[in-house]
Amino acid sequence: MPLLRQVPGFVAYYWVDAGEGVMLSTSVYEDQAGADESVRRAADFVRDSLASLLPHPPQVTAGPVVAGG
C-alpha cells in the first residue's frame, strides 16, 4: 500500500477477497499517468517479491470511472 500511495494522483486502493482463491485489487488515480505508474510499480513488486506465491500472473484491466457514490 505505501508503494501506491507515493504515486502522484493517488486517490484510493481496495483489496477484495472474492473467494475460492480469487483476489481483486482496485486502485483509483486522478489521471491515466498515475494509473500507468501504479501498474508499473505493482508489476515490479509482484515480480520481485510475490511471483513464487502466485499460481497465475496478475491480470490488469483499466478504464474510466463512469459512476460513483
N, C-alpha and C. Protein backbone atom coordinates (compact mmCIF):
# COMPACT_ATOMS: atom_id res chain seq x y z
N MET A 1 0.79 -1.20 0.00
CA MET A 1 0.00 0.00 0.00
C MET A 1 0.84 1.27 0.00
N PRO A 2 1.86 1.39 0.84
CA PRO A 2 2.68 2.61 0.78
C PRO A 2 3.28 2.83 -0.60
N LEU A 3 3.58 1.77 -1.30
CA LEU A 3 4.15 1.87 -2.65
C LEU A 3 3.21 2.63 -3.58
N LEU A 4 1.92 2.37 -3.49
CA LEU A 4 0.95 3.00 -4.38
C LEU A 4 0.57 4.40 -3.91
N ARG A 5 0.56 4.63 -2.62
CA ARG A 5 0.23 5.96 -2.10
C ARG A 5 1.25 7.02 -2.52
N GLN A 6 2.45 6.60 -2.85
CA GLN A 6 3.50 7.53 -3.27
C GLN A 6 3.34 7.98 -4.72
N VAL A 7 2.49 7.31 -5.48
CA VAL A 7 2.30 7.66 -6.89
C VAL A 7 1.49 8.95 -6.97
N PRO A 8 1.96 9.93 -7.73
CA PRO A 8 1.20 11.18 -7.89
C PRO A 8 -0.21 10.90 -8.42
N GLY A 9 -1.19 11.56 -7.84
CA GLY A 9 -2.57 11.40 -8.26
C GLY A 9 -3.32 10.28 -7.55
N PHE A 10 -2.68 9.61 -6.58
CA PHE A 10 -3.34 8.52 -5.85
C PHE A 10 -4.60 9.03 -5.16
N VAL A 11 -5.69 8.25 -5.28
CA VAL A 11 -6.95 8.59 -4.62
C VAL A 11 -7.34 7.50 -3.62
N ALA A 12 -7.36 6.23 -4.06
CA ALA A 12 -7.83 5.15 -3.19
C ALA A 12 -7.30 3.80 -3.67
N TYR A 13 -7.30 2.83 -2.75
CA TYR A 13 -6.89 1.47 -3.06
C TYR A 13 -7.78 0.51 -2.27
N TYR A 14 -8.22 -0.55 -2.93
CA TYR A 14 -9.08 -1.56 -2.29
C TYR A 14 -8.55 -2.95 -2.63
N TRP A 15 -8.59 -3.85 -1.65
CA TRP A 15 -8.19 -5.25 -1.84
C TRP A 15 -9.39 -6.09 -1.43
N VAL A 16 -9.86 -6.97 -2.33
CA VAL A 16 -11.07 -7.74 -2.10
C VAL A 16 -10.75 -9.23 -2.20
N ASP A 17 -11.21 -10.00 -1.21
CA ASP A 17 -11.14 -11.46 -1.26
C ASP A 17 -12.45 -11.92 -1.89
N ALA A 18 -12.40 -12.33 -3.15
CA ALA A 18 -13.59 -12.73 -3.89
C ALA A 18 -13.95 -14.19 -3.66
N GLY A 19 -13.17 -14.87 -2.83
CA GLY A 19 -13.44 -16.27 -2.52
C GLY A 19 -12.80 -17.22 -3.51
N GLU A 20 -12.71 -18.47 -3.09
CA GLU A 20 -12.15 -19.55 -3.92
C GLU A 20 -10.78 -19.21 -4.48
N GLY A 21 -9.96 -18.52 -3.67
CA GLY A 21 -8.60 -18.19 -4.06
C GLY A 21 -8.46 -17.01 -5.00
N VAL A 22 -9.55 -16.31 -5.26
CA VAL A 22 -9.52 -15.16 -6.16
C VAL A 22 -9.42 -13.88 -5.35
N MET A 23 -8.43 -13.06 -5.66
CA MET A 23 -8.24 -11.76 -5.02
C MET A 23 -8.34 -10.69 -6.09
N LEU A 24 -8.86 -9.54 -5.70
CA LEU A 24 -9.06 -8.43 -6.62
C LEU A 24 -8.58 -7.16 -5.97
N SER A 25 -7.78 -6.38 -6.68
CA SER A 25 -7.40 -5.08 -6.15
C SER A 25 -7.84 -4.01 -7.14
N THR A 26 -8.24 -2.88 -6.60
CA THR A 26 -8.65 -1.75 -7.41
C THR A 26 -7.95 -0.51 -6.88
N SER A 27 -7.34 0.23 -7.75
CA SER A 27 -6.74 1.48 -7.35
C SER A 27 -7.33 2.59 -8.21
N VAL A 28 -7.45 3.76 -7.60
CA VAL A 28 -8.06 4.90 -8.26
C VAL A 28 -7.05 6.04 -8.27
N TYR A 29 -6.87 6.65 -9.44
CA TYR A 29 -5.94 7.77 -9.61
C TYR A 29 -6.64 8.92 -10.30
N GLU A 30 -6.12 10.11 -10.12
CA GLU A 30 -6.71 11.30 -10.73
C GLU A 30 -6.55 11.31 -12.24
N ASP A 31 -5.54 10.62 -12.76
CA ASP A 31 -5.31 10.65 -14.20
C ASP A 31 -4.66 9.35 -14.67
N GLN A 32 -4.60 9.20 -15.97
CA GLN A 32 -4.04 8.00 -16.57
C GLN A 32 -2.56 7.83 -16.25
N ALA A 33 -1.83 8.92 -16.16
CA ALA A 33 -0.40 8.83 -15.84
C ALA A 33 -0.18 8.17 -14.48
N GLY A 34 -0.99 8.53 -13.49
CA GLY A 34 -0.89 7.91 -12.17
C GLY A 34 -1.23 6.44 -12.22
N ALA A 35 -2.28 6.10 -12.95
CA ALA A 35 -2.67 4.69 -13.08
C ALA A 35 -1.56 3.89 -13.76
N ASP A 36 -0.97 4.43 -14.81
CA ASP A 36 0.11 3.73 -15.51
C ASP A 36 1.32 3.51 -14.61
N GLU A 37 1.67 4.52 -13.84
CA GLU A 37 2.81 4.40 -12.92
C GLU A 37 2.51 3.37 -11.84
N SER A 38 1.27 3.33 -11.37
CA SER A 38 0.87 2.35 -10.37
C SER A 38 1.04 0.93 -10.90
N VAL A 39 0.60 0.70 -12.13
CA VAL A 39 0.74 -0.63 -12.73
C VAL A 39 2.21 -1.01 -12.84
N ARG A 40 3.05 -0.08 -13.24
CA ARG A 40 4.49 -0.36 -13.36
C ARG A 40 5.08 -0.74 -12.02
N ARG A 41 4.79 0.06 -10.99
CA ARG A 41 5.34 -0.22 -9.67
C ARG A 41 4.82 -1.53 -9.10
N ALA A 42 3.52 -1.78 -9.28
CA ALA A 42 2.94 -3.03 -8.77
C ALA A 42 3.54 -4.23 -9.48
N ALA A 43 3.73 -4.13 -10.79
CA ALA A 43 4.32 -5.24 -11.55
C ALA A 43 5.73 -5.53 -11.07
N ASP A 44 6.51 -4.49 -10.83
CA ASP A 44 7.87 -4.68 -10.31
C ASP A 44 7.84 -5.37 -8.95
N PHE A 45 6.93 -4.94 -8.07
CA PHE A 45 6.83 -5.53 -6.73
C PHE A 45 6.43 -7.00 -6.81
N VAL A 46 5.43 -7.30 -7.62
CA VAL A 46 4.98 -8.69 -7.75
C VAL A 46 6.10 -9.55 -8.30
N ARG A 47 6.78 -9.08 -9.34
CA ARG A 47 7.88 -9.84 -9.93
C ARG A 47 8.99 -10.09 -8.92
N ASP A 48 9.34 -9.07 -8.14
CA ASP A 48 10.47 -9.16 -7.22
C ASP A 48 10.13 -9.85 -5.90
N SER A 49 8.86 -9.80 -5.47
CA SER A 49 8.54 -10.26 -4.12
C SER A 49 7.46 -11.32 -4.01
N LEU A 50 6.58 -11.44 -5.00
CA LEU A 50 5.43 -12.32 -4.84
C LEU A 50 5.28 -13.39 -5.90
N ALA A 51 6.02 -13.32 -6.96
CA ALA A 51 5.80 -14.21 -8.11
C ALA A 51 5.76 -15.68 -7.70
N SER A 52 6.61 -16.10 -6.79
CA SER A 52 6.65 -17.51 -6.41
C SER A 52 5.42 -17.93 -5.62
N LEU A 53 4.66 -16.98 -5.09
CA LEU A 53 3.47 -17.29 -4.30
C LEU A 53 2.18 -17.31 -5.12
N LEU A 54 2.24 -16.82 -6.35
CA LEU A 54 1.04 -16.69 -7.16
C LEU A 54 0.94 -17.82 -8.18
N PRO A 55 -0.18 -18.54 -8.20
CA PRO A 55 -0.32 -19.63 -9.16
C PRO A 55 -0.53 -19.13 -10.59
N HIS A 56 -1.03 -17.90 -10.75
CA HIS A 56 -1.27 -17.32 -12.07
C HIS A 56 -0.77 -15.88 -12.07
N PRO A 57 -0.28 -15.39 -13.19
CA PRO A 57 0.16 -13.99 -13.23
C PRO A 57 -1.04 -13.06 -13.08
N PRO A 58 -0.84 -11.89 -12.48
CA PRO A 58 -1.93 -10.93 -12.34
C PRO A 58 -2.42 -10.45 -13.70
N GLN A 59 -3.69 -10.11 -13.77
CA GLN A 59 -4.27 -9.51 -14.96
C GLN A 59 -4.57 -8.06 -14.67
N VAL A 60 -4.26 -7.19 -15.61
CA VAL A 60 -4.51 -5.75 -15.43
C VAL A 60 -5.65 -5.34 -16.37
N THR A 61 -6.64 -4.70 -15.79
CA THR A 61 -7.76 -4.15 -16.55
C THR A 61 -7.90 -2.69 -16.14
N ALA A 62 -8.10 -1.81 -17.08
CA ALA A 62 -8.20 -0.39 -16.77
C ALA A 62 -9.36 0.24 -17.51
N GLY A 63 -9.88 1.30 -16.94
CA GLY A 63 -10.95 2.04 -17.60
C GLY A 63 -11.38 3.22 -16.75
N PRO A 64 -12.14 4.11 -17.34
CA PRO A 64 -12.59 5.29 -16.60
C PRO A 64 -13.73 4.96 -15.65
N VAL A 65 -13.83 5.71 -14.58
CA VAL A 65 -14.97 5.59 -13.67
C VAL A 65 -16.16 6.24 -14.36
N VAL A 66 -17.28 5.53 -14.44
CA VAL A 66 -18.47 6.07 -15.09
C VAL A 66 -19.61 6.35 -14.11
N ALA A 67 -19.46 5.91 -12.86
CA ALA A 67 -20.45 6.21 -11.83
C ALA A 67 -19.79 6.09 -10.48
N GLY A 68 -20.26 6.82 -9.52
CA GLY A 68 -19.70 6.76 -8.18
C GLY A 68 -20.75 7.22 -7.17
N GLY A 69 -20.43 6.98 -5.92
CA GLY A 69 -21.40 7.36 -4.91
C GLY A 69 -20.78 7.72 -3.62
